[in-house]
N, C-alpha and C. Protein backbone atom coordinates (compact mmCIF):
# COMPACT_ATOMS: atom_id res chain seq x y z
N MET A 1 0.85 -1.17 0.00
CA MET A 1 0.00 0.00 0.00
C MET A 1 0.90 1.24 0.00
N PRO A 2 0.51 2.21 -0.77
CA PRO A 2 1.32 3.43 -0.79
C PRO A 2 1.46 4.02 0.62
N GLN A 3 2.64 4.49 0.89
CA GLN A 3 2.96 5.04 2.21
C GLN A 3 2.05 6.20 2.57
N ILE A 4 1.66 7.00 1.59
CA ILE A 4 0.81 8.16 1.87
C ILE A 4 -0.53 7.74 2.47
N LEU A 5 -1.05 6.60 2.02
CA LEU A 5 -2.32 6.12 2.61
C LEU A 5 -2.13 5.73 4.06
N GLU A 6 -1.07 4.99 4.33
CA GLU A 6 -0.81 4.58 5.71
C GLU A 6 -0.61 5.79 6.61
N GLU A 7 0.15 6.76 6.15
CA GLU A 7 0.40 7.97 6.93
C GLU A 7 -0.89 8.74 7.17
N THR A 8 -1.69 8.89 6.13
CA THR A 8 -2.94 9.64 6.24
C THR A 8 -3.91 8.95 7.20
N ILE A 9 -4.00 7.65 7.11
CA ILE A 9 -4.89 6.89 8.00
C ILE A 9 -4.46 7.10 9.45
N ARG A 10 -3.18 7.07 9.71
CA ARG A 10 -2.69 7.30 11.08
C ARG A 10 -2.93 8.75 11.50
N GLU A 11 -2.76 9.69 10.58
CA GLU A 11 -3.01 11.10 10.90
C GLU A 11 -4.48 11.33 11.25
N LEU A 12 -5.35 10.54 10.66
CA LEU A 12 -6.78 10.65 10.95
C LEU A 12 -7.15 10.02 12.29
N GLY A 13 -6.18 9.40 12.93
CA GLY A 13 -6.39 8.85 14.26
C GLY A 13 -6.65 7.35 14.31
N PHE A 14 -6.45 6.67 13.20
CA PHE A 14 -6.65 5.22 13.17
C PHE A 14 -5.32 4.52 13.39
N LYS A 15 -5.39 3.37 14.06
CA LYS A 15 -4.19 2.60 14.35
C LYS A 15 -3.63 1.92 13.11
N SER A 16 -4.54 1.53 12.22
CA SER A 16 -4.12 0.76 11.05
C SER A 16 -5.17 0.85 9.95
N LEU A 17 -4.82 0.31 8.81
CA LEU A 17 -5.77 0.23 7.70
C LEU A 17 -6.97 -0.63 8.11
N GLU A 18 -6.69 -1.73 8.80
CA GLU A 18 -7.77 -2.61 9.26
C GLU A 18 -8.73 -1.88 10.20
N ASP A 19 -8.19 -1.08 11.10
CA ASP A 19 -9.02 -0.30 12.02
C ASP A 19 -9.90 0.68 11.25
N PHE A 20 -9.29 1.36 10.28
CA PHE A 20 -10.02 2.31 9.44
C PHE A 20 -11.13 1.61 8.64
N LEU A 21 -10.76 0.50 7.99
CA LEU A 21 -11.74 -0.22 7.18
C LEU A 21 -12.88 -0.78 8.03
N SER A 22 -12.56 -1.26 9.21
CA SER A 22 -13.60 -1.78 10.10
C SER A 22 -14.63 -0.71 10.41
N LEU A 23 -14.15 0.48 10.74
CA LEU A 23 -15.06 1.58 11.05
C LEU A 23 -15.90 1.96 9.84
N LYS A 24 -15.28 2.03 8.68
CA LYS A 24 -16.00 2.41 7.46
C LYS A 24 -17.05 1.35 7.08
N VAL A 25 -16.72 0.08 7.25
CA VAL A 25 -17.69 -0.98 6.96
C VAL A 25 -18.87 -0.88 7.91
N ILE A 26 -18.61 -0.63 9.18
CA ILE A 26 -19.70 -0.46 10.15
C ILE A 26 -20.57 0.72 9.75
N GLU A 27 -19.97 1.82 9.36
CA GLU A 27 -20.74 2.99 8.93
C GLU A 27 -21.63 2.66 7.73
N GLU A 28 -21.10 1.93 6.76
CA GLU A 28 -21.88 1.55 5.58
C GLU A 28 -23.02 0.61 5.95
N LEU A 29 -22.75 -0.33 6.82
CA LEU A 29 -23.82 -1.25 7.26
C LEU A 29 -24.92 -0.48 8.00
N GLU A 30 -24.54 0.50 8.80
CA GLU A 30 -25.53 1.31 9.51
C GLU A 30 -26.39 2.12 8.54
N LYS A 31 -25.78 2.61 7.47
CA LYS A 31 -26.54 3.32 6.43
C LYS A 31 -27.55 2.37 5.77
N LYS A 32 -27.09 1.15 5.49
CA LYS A 32 -27.98 0.15 4.88
C LYS A 32 -29.14 -0.17 5.82
N ILE A 33 -28.86 -0.30 7.10
CA ILE A 33 -29.91 -0.58 8.08
C ILE A 33 -30.96 0.54 8.05
N GLN A 34 -30.51 1.77 7.95
CA GLN A 34 -31.45 2.90 7.87
C GLN A 34 -32.34 2.78 6.63
N CYS A 35 -31.77 2.37 5.51
CA CYS A 35 -32.56 2.19 4.28
C CYS A 35 -33.56 1.06 4.45
N PHE A 36 -33.12 -0.06 5.02
CA PHE A 36 -34.03 -1.18 5.24
C PHE A 36 -35.16 -0.77 6.19
N GLN A 37 -34.80 -0.01 7.23
CA GLN A 37 -35.81 0.42 8.21
C GLN A 37 -36.81 1.38 7.57
N LYS A 38 -36.34 2.21 6.66
CA LYS A 38 -37.24 3.13 5.96
C LYS A 38 -38.26 2.34 5.15
N GLU A 39 -37.81 1.29 4.45
CA GLU A 39 -38.73 0.44 3.69
C GLU A 39 -39.76 -0.21 4.61
N ILE A 40 -39.30 -0.68 5.76
CA ILE A 40 -40.21 -1.31 6.73
C ILE A 40 -41.22 -0.29 7.23
N SER A 41 -40.77 0.91 7.56
CA SER A 41 -41.67 1.96 8.04
C SER A 41 -42.74 2.30 7.01
N GLU A 42 -42.34 2.33 5.74
CA GLU A 42 -43.30 2.62 4.67
C GLU A 42 -44.35 1.51 4.57
N LEU A 43 -43.93 0.27 4.73
CA LEU A 43 -44.89 -0.84 4.69
C LEU A 43 -45.79 -0.84 5.92
N GLU A 44 -45.22 -0.52 7.08
CA GLU A 44 -46.04 -0.42 8.29
C GLU A 44 -47.09 0.68 8.14
N LYS A 45 -46.70 1.79 7.54
CA LYS A 45 -47.64 2.88 7.31
C LYS A 45 -48.70 2.48 6.29
N LYS A 46 -48.28 1.83 5.21
CA LYS A 46 -49.19 1.41 4.14
C LYS A 46 -50.29 0.49 4.68
N TYR A 47 -49.89 -0.46 5.56
CA TYR A 47 -50.85 -1.45 6.04
C TYR A 47 -51.36 -1.15 7.46
N GLY A 48 -50.76 -0.19 8.12
CA GLY A 48 -51.20 0.17 9.46
C GLY A 48 -50.95 -0.91 10.49
N MET A 49 -49.88 -1.68 10.31
CA MET A 49 -49.57 -2.77 11.24
C MET A 49 -48.11 -3.17 11.12
N THR A 50 -47.66 -3.98 12.08
CA THR A 50 -46.31 -4.52 12.06
C THR A 50 -46.29 -5.80 11.22
N PHE A 51 -45.09 -6.29 10.92
CA PHE A 51 -44.98 -7.48 10.09
C PHE A 51 -45.66 -8.71 10.69
N PRO A 52 -45.49 -9.00 11.99
CA PRO A 52 -46.17 -10.20 12.52
C PRO A 52 -47.69 -10.16 12.33
N THR A 53 -48.28 -9.00 12.51
CA THR A 53 -49.73 -8.86 12.30
C THR A 53 -50.06 -9.01 10.82
N PHE A 54 -49.26 -8.38 9.96
CA PHE A 54 -49.47 -8.49 8.52
C PHE A 54 -49.38 -9.95 8.08
N LYS A 55 -48.37 -10.64 8.57
CA LYS A 55 -48.15 -12.04 8.19
C LYS A 55 -49.34 -12.90 8.63
N ALA A 56 -49.80 -12.69 9.85
CA ALA A 56 -50.94 -13.48 10.36
C ALA A 56 -52.23 -13.15 9.61
N THR A 57 -52.35 -11.93 9.14
CA THR A 57 -53.57 -11.49 8.47
C THR A 57 -53.59 -11.85 7.00
N TYR A 58 -52.48 -11.65 6.32
CA TYR A 58 -52.47 -11.76 4.86
C TYR A 58 -51.66 -12.92 4.28
N LEU A 59 -50.78 -13.50 5.05
CA LEU A 59 -49.88 -14.51 4.49
C LEU A 59 -50.14 -15.91 5.04
N THR A 60 -51.35 -16.17 5.42
CA THR A 60 -51.70 -17.50 5.89
C THR A 60 -52.22 -18.33 4.73
N SER A 61 -52.25 -19.62 4.91
CA SER A 61 -52.74 -20.50 3.84
C SER A 61 -54.22 -20.29 3.59
N GLN A 62 -54.94 -19.74 4.58
CA GLN A 62 -56.37 -19.52 4.41
C GLN A 62 -56.70 -18.17 3.78
N SER A 63 -55.72 -17.27 3.72
CA SER A 63 -56.00 -15.95 3.14
C SER A 63 -56.03 -16.06 1.62
N GLU A 64 -56.83 -15.21 1.04
CA GLU A 64 -56.99 -15.17 -0.41
C GLU A 64 -55.68 -14.72 -1.05
N GLU A 65 -55.33 -15.30 -2.19
CA GLU A 65 -54.09 -14.94 -2.89
C GLU A 65 -54.17 -13.51 -3.40
N ASP A 66 -53.22 -12.69 -2.97
CA ASP A 66 -53.13 -11.30 -3.40
C ASP A 66 -51.66 -11.05 -3.70
N PHE A 67 -51.33 -10.92 -4.98
CA PHE A 67 -49.93 -10.82 -5.39
C PHE A 67 -49.24 -9.57 -4.85
N ILE A 68 -49.96 -8.48 -4.73
CA ILE A 68 -49.34 -7.26 -4.19
C ILE A 68 -48.97 -7.47 -2.74
N LYS A 69 -49.90 -8.01 -1.97
CA LYS A 69 -49.61 -8.27 -0.55
C LYS A 69 -48.52 -9.33 -0.41
N SER A 70 -48.53 -10.31 -1.26
CA SER A 70 -47.50 -11.34 -1.23
C SER A 70 -46.13 -10.75 -1.52
N ASP A 71 -46.05 -9.89 -2.53
CA ASP A 71 -44.78 -9.22 -2.85
C ASP A 71 -44.34 -8.30 -1.72
N ASP A 72 -45.29 -7.53 -1.18
CA ASP A 72 -44.96 -6.64 -0.06
C ASP A 72 -44.48 -7.45 1.14
N GLY A 73 -45.14 -8.57 1.39
CA GLY A 73 -44.74 -9.42 2.51
C GLY A 73 -43.33 -9.96 2.33
N ALA A 74 -43.00 -10.38 1.12
CA ALA A 74 -41.65 -10.89 0.83
C ALA A 74 -40.61 -9.78 1.01
N GLU A 75 -40.93 -8.59 0.53
CA GLU A 75 -40.01 -7.46 0.67
C GLU A 75 -39.83 -7.10 2.15
N TRP A 76 -40.93 -7.08 2.88
CA TRP A 76 -40.91 -6.76 4.30
C TRP A 76 -40.03 -7.76 5.06
N GLU A 77 -40.28 -9.03 4.79
CA GLU A 77 -39.53 -10.08 5.46
C GLU A 77 -38.04 -10.00 5.11
N TRP A 78 -37.74 -9.72 3.85
CA TRP A 78 -36.35 -9.60 3.42
C TRP A 78 -35.67 -8.44 4.14
N ASN A 79 -36.34 -7.30 4.25
CA ASN A 79 -35.77 -6.14 4.93
C ASN A 79 -35.50 -6.44 6.41
N LEU A 80 -36.42 -7.16 7.05
CA LEU A 80 -36.20 -7.55 8.44
C LEU A 80 -34.99 -8.46 8.56
N PHE A 81 -34.87 -9.42 7.63
CA PHE A 81 -33.72 -10.31 7.62
C PHE A 81 -32.43 -9.53 7.39
N ALA A 82 -32.45 -8.59 6.45
CA ALA A 82 -31.26 -7.81 6.12
C ALA A 82 -30.80 -6.97 7.31
N ILE A 83 -31.75 -6.43 8.06
CA ILE A 83 -31.38 -5.66 9.26
C ILE A 83 -30.71 -6.57 10.27
N GLU A 84 -31.31 -7.71 10.54
CA GLU A 84 -30.74 -8.65 11.51
C GLU A 84 -29.35 -9.12 11.07
N SER A 85 -29.22 -9.45 9.81
CA SER A 85 -27.93 -9.89 9.27
C SER A 85 -26.87 -8.79 9.39
N SER A 86 -27.25 -7.57 9.06
CA SER A 86 -26.32 -6.44 9.14
C SER A 86 -25.90 -6.17 10.58
N ARG A 87 -26.85 -6.27 11.51
CA ARG A 87 -26.52 -6.06 12.92
C ARG A 87 -25.55 -7.12 13.43
N LYS A 88 -25.74 -8.35 12.99
CA LYS A 88 -24.82 -9.43 13.39
C LYS A 88 -23.42 -9.15 12.84
N LYS A 89 -23.33 -8.68 11.60
CA LYS A 89 -22.04 -8.35 11.02
C LYS A 89 -21.35 -7.23 11.79
N ILE A 90 -22.13 -6.22 12.17
CA ILE A 90 -21.58 -5.10 12.95
C ILE A 90 -21.03 -5.62 14.27
N GLU A 91 -21.78 -6.45 14.95
CA GLU A 91 -21.31 -7.00 16.23
C GLU A 91 -20.04 -7.83 16.06
N THR A 92 -19.99 -8.63 15.00
CA THR A 92 -18.81 -9.44 14.74
C THR A 92 -17.60 -8.56 14.49
N ILE A 93 -17.77 -7.51 13.71
CA ILE A 93 -16.66 -6.58 13.42
C ILE A 93 -16.22 -5.87 14.69
N LYS A 94 -17.20 -5.40 15.48
CA LYS A 94 -16.85 -4.70 16.74
C LYS A 94 -16.11 -5.64 17.68
N ASN A 95 -16.57 -6.87 17.80
CA ASN A 95 -15.89 -7.83 18.67
C ASN A 95 -14.47 -8.11 18.19
N ALA A 96 -14.29 -8.21 16.89
CA ALA A 96 -12.95 -8.44 16.34
C ALA A 96 -12.03 -7.25 16.60
N ARG A 97 -12.58 -6.06 16.56
CA ARG A 97 -11.77 -4.85 16.80
C ARG A 97 -11.33 -4.76 18.25
N ASN A 98 -12.16 -5.32 19.16
CA ASN A 98 -11.86 -5.22 20.60
C ASN A 98 -10.89 -6.29 21.08
N HIS A 99 -10.51 -7.18 20.20
CA HIS A 99 -9.60 -8.27 20.61
C HIS A 99 -8.22 -8.07 20.09
């Protein structure tokens, strides 16, 4: 790596490139979480309920097939999964930085 990058990273207060990258990855994951949460908030507003209520109401085997609700449910569930996955990655990175 060019020396100027290493020097600049240290001047910015980071111990190493790995320390810098860890922080930047966490920041990017947090931005993604905000985007996923925005999508969830929009769906909660659209349907006036949380995902568990939506799932019990519209995504049961007895509910009538509605492709829009099915697509929204899949998107909602994916966003919830993506938030959980991103949070786990953040925790793993933070734990690695502390060791």
